Amino acid sequence: MAPIPSNAISEAVSNRNMVYLDTPIRGGTVSAKEGSLIVKLGGDPSACEKVKDMLRAISNSIYHNRPFPVACIQYKQSANSERQALQLTGNDETVE
């Protein structure tokens, strides 16, 4: 999910006394079957602690990105994806 809708959802649910956690998950089908997905949590620290045990069913790599609030993880993920794309482009040009 993009950062802007993530912020809007977080705000909407907080107005209803609920908590929204931003939870990007990295890895594919094989990682999911092995329980080795990478889970990054963003949001209220106490809420993140409450869901960690549940998330251990799919991952042993669960990170709470303190002090980043909801949506910051999405920005970090987007920046990382762009960096990887630039590296691949540079590698491709080097090979040619």
C-alpha atoms as a PDB file:
ATOM      1  CA  MET A   1       0.000   0.000   0.000  1.00  0.00           C
ATOM      2  CA  ALA A   2       1.208   3.490  -0.765  1.00  0.00           C
ATOM      3  CA  PRO A   3       2.105   5.773   2.159  1.00  0.00           C
ATOM      4  CA  ILE A   4      -0.723   8.293   1.715  1.00  0.00           C
ATOM      5  CA  PRO A   5      -3.632   5.787   1.945  1.00  0.00           C
ATOM      6  CA  SER A   6      -1.822   4.133   4.849  1.00  0.00           C
ATOM      7  CA  ASN A   7      -1.825   7.438   6.755  1.00  0.00           C
ATOM      8  CA  ALA A   8      -5.493   8.041   5.932  1.00  0.00           C
ATOM      9  CA  ILE A   9      -6.506   4.584   7.156  1.00  0.00           C
ATOM     10  CA  SER A  10      -4.489   5.029  10.340  1.00  0.00           C
ATOM     11  CA  GLU A  11      -6.197   8.333  11.049  1.00  0.00           C
ATOM     12  CA  ALA A  12      -9.669   6.953  10.276  1.00  0.00           C
ATOM     13  CA  VAL A  13      -9.338   3.962  12.591  1.00  0.00           C
ATOM     14  CA  SER A  14      -7.777   5.998  15.406  1.00  0.00           C
ATOM     15  CA  ASN A  15     -10.915   8.169  15.393  1.00  0.00           C
ATOM     16  CA  ARG A  16     -12.828   4.958  16.209  1.00  0.00           C
ATOM     17  CA  ASN A  17     -10.530   3.924  19.082  1.00  0.00           C
ATOM     18  CA  MET A  18      -8.793   1.266  16.987  1.00  0.00           C
ATOM     19  CA  VAL A  19      -5.152   0.842  16.025  1.00  0.00           C
ATOM     20  CA  TYR A  20      -3.704   0.452  12.535  1.00  0.00           C
ATOM     21  CA  LEU A  21      -0.317  -1.165  12.067  1.00  0.00           C
ATOM     22  CA  ASP A  22       1.688  -0.743   8.895  1.00  0.00           C
ATOM     23  CA  THR A  23       3.062  -4.216   8.202  1.00  0.00           C
ATOM     24  CA  PRO A  24       5.002  -4.705   4.974  1.00  0.00           C
ATOM     25  CA  ILE A  25       6.057  -8.322   4.483  1.00  0.00           C
ATOM     26  CA  ARG A  26       9.037  -9.354   2.347  1.00  0.00           C
ATOM     27  CA  GLY A  27       9.581 -12.753   0.808  1.00  0.00           C
ATOM     28  CA  GLY A  28       7.784 -15.064  -1.555  1.00  0.00           C
ATOM     29  CA  THR A  29       5.877 -18.311  -1.515  1.00  0.00           C
ATOM     30  CA  VAL A  30       8.878 -20.413  -0.523  1.00  0.00           C
ATOM     31  CA  SER A  31       9.684 -18.097   2.397  1.00  0.00           C
ATOM     32  CA  ALA A  32       6.053 -18.221   3.514  1.00  0.00           C
ATOM     33  CA  LYS A  33       6.063 -22.035   3.537  1.00  0.00           C
ATOM     34  CA  GLU A  34       9.332 -22.044   5.483  1.00  0.00           C
ATOM     35  CA  GLY A  35       8.086 -19.427   7.952  1.00  0.00           C
ATOM     36  CA  SER A  36      10.978 -17.157   7.020  1.00  0.00           C
ATOM     37  CA  LEU A  37       9.203 -14.053   5.732  1.00  0.00           C
ATOM     38  CA  ILE A  38      10.535 -10.688   6.906  1.00  0.00           C
ATOM     39  CA  VAL A  39       7.907  -8.614   8.705  1.00  0.00           C
ATOM     40  CA  LYS A  40       8.352  -4.930   9.476  1.00  0.00           C
ATOM     41  CA  LEU A  41       5.946  -3.262  11.872  1.00  0.00           C
ATOM     42  CA  GLY A  42       5.144   0.422  12.031  1.00  0.00           C
ATOM     43  CA  GLY A  43       2.793   2.071  14.457  1.00  0.00           C
ATOM     44  CA  ASP A  44       2.008   2.108  18.158  1.00  0.00           C
ATOM     45  CA  PRO A  45       4.767   0.227  20.042  1.00  0.00           C
ATOM     46  CA  SER A  46       2.410  -1.504  22.495  1.00  0.00           C
ATOM     47  CA  ALA A  47       0.146  -2.678  19.654  1.00  0.00           C
ATOM     48  CA  CYS A  48       3.194  -3.997  17.776  1.00  0.00           C
ATOM     49  CA  GLU A  49       4.227  -6.020  20.827  1.00  0.00           C
ATOM     50  CA  LYS A  50       0.731  -7.521  21.084  1.00  0.00           C
ATOM     51  CA  VAL A  51       0.795  -8.925  17.531  1.00  0.00           C
ATOM     52  CA  LYS A  52       4.375 -10.224  17.460  1.00  0.00           C
ATOM     53  CA  ASP A  53       3.456 -13.681  18.807  1.00  0.00           C
ATOM     54  CA  MET A  54       0.749 -14.072  16.167  1.00  0.00           C
ATOM     55  CA  LEU A  55       3.171 -13.041  13.402  1.00  0.00           C
ATOM     56  CA  ARG A  56       5.737 -15.621  14.531  1.00  0.00           C
ATOM     57  CA  ALA A  57       3.579 -18.201  12.722  1.00  0.00           C
ATOM     58  CA  ILE A  58       4.899 -16.796   9.435  1.00  0.00           C
ATOM     59  CA  SER A  59       8.219 -15.255  10.431  1.00  0.00           C
ATOM     60  CA  ASN A  60      11.100 -15.357  12.869  1.00  0.00           C
ATOM     61  CA  SER A  61      12.279 -11.988  11.525  1.00  0.00           C
ATOM     62  CA  ILE A  62       9.902  -9.407  12.956  1.00  0.00           C
ATOM     63  CA  TYR A  63      11.137  -5.849  13.288  1.00  0.00           C
ATOM     64  CA  HIS A  64       9.435  -2.841  14.834  1.00  0.00           C
ATOM     65  CA  ASN A  65      10.800   0.196  13.029  1.00  0.00           C
ATOM     66  CA  ARG A  66      11.019   2.541  15.958  1.00  0.00           C
ATOM     67  CA  PRO A  67      10.538   5.470  16.110  1.00  0.00           C
ATOM     68  CA  PHE A  68       8.928   5.506  12.671  1.00  0.00           C
ATOM     69  CA  PRO A  69       5.152   5.952  12.604  1.00  0.00           C
ATOM     70  CA  VAL A  70       2.715   4.392  10.155  1.00  0.00           C
ATOM     71  CA  ALA A  71       3.634   4.927   6.475  1.00  0.00           C
ATOM     72  CA  CYS A  72       7.322   5.654   7.092  1.00  0.00           C
ATOM     73  CA  ILE A  73       8.057   1.998   6.425  1.00  0.00           C
ATOM     74  CA  GLN A  74       6.301   2.297   3.076  1.00  0.00           C
ATOM     75  CA  TYR A  75       8.504   5.261   2.186  1.00  0.00           C
ATOM     76  CA  LYS A  76      11.584   3.268   3.208  1.00  0.00           C
ATOM     77  CA  GLN A  77      10.441   0.265   1.148  1.00  0.00           C
ATOM     78  CA  SER A  78       9.808   2.476  -1.894  1.00  0.00           C
ATOM     79  CA  ALA A  79      13.222   4.110  -1.589  1.00  0.00           C
ATOM     80  CA  ASN A  80      14.880   0.704  -1.248  1.00  0.00           C
ATOM     81  CA  SER A  81      13.062  -0.615  -4.338  1.00  0.00           C
ATOM     82  CA  GLU A  82      14.153   2.434  -6.343  1.00  0.00           C
ATOM     83  CA  ARG A  83      17.740   1.991  -5.170  1.00  0.00           C
ATOM     84  CA  GLN A  84      17.694  -1.655  -6.257  1.00  0.00           C
ATOM     85  CA  ALA A  85      16.243  -0.717  -9.651  1.00  0.00           C
ATOM     86  CA  LEU A  86      19.014   1.851 -10.163  1.00  0.00           C
ATOM     87  CA  GLN A  87      21.645  -0.723  -9.223  1.00  0.00           C
ATOM     88  CA  LEU A  88      20.211  -3.216 -11.706  1.00  0.00           C
ATOM     89  CA  THR A  89      20.160  -0.554 -14.413  1.00  0.00           C
ATOM     90  CA  GLY A  90      23.778   0.338 -13.664  1.00  0.00           C
ATOM     91  CA  ASN A  91      24.791  -3.319 -13.716  1.00  0.00           C
ATOM     92  CA  ASP A  92      23.013  -3.824 -17.038  1.00  0.00           C
ATOM     93  CA  GLU A  93      24.785  -0.839 -18.594  1.00  0.00           C
ATOM     94  CA  THR A  94      28.132  -2.101 -17.321  1.00  0.00           C
ATOM     95  CA  VAL A  95      27.604  -5.504 -18.943  1.00  0.00           C
ATOM     96  CA  GLU A  96      26.764  -3.963 -22.321  1.00  0.00           C
END
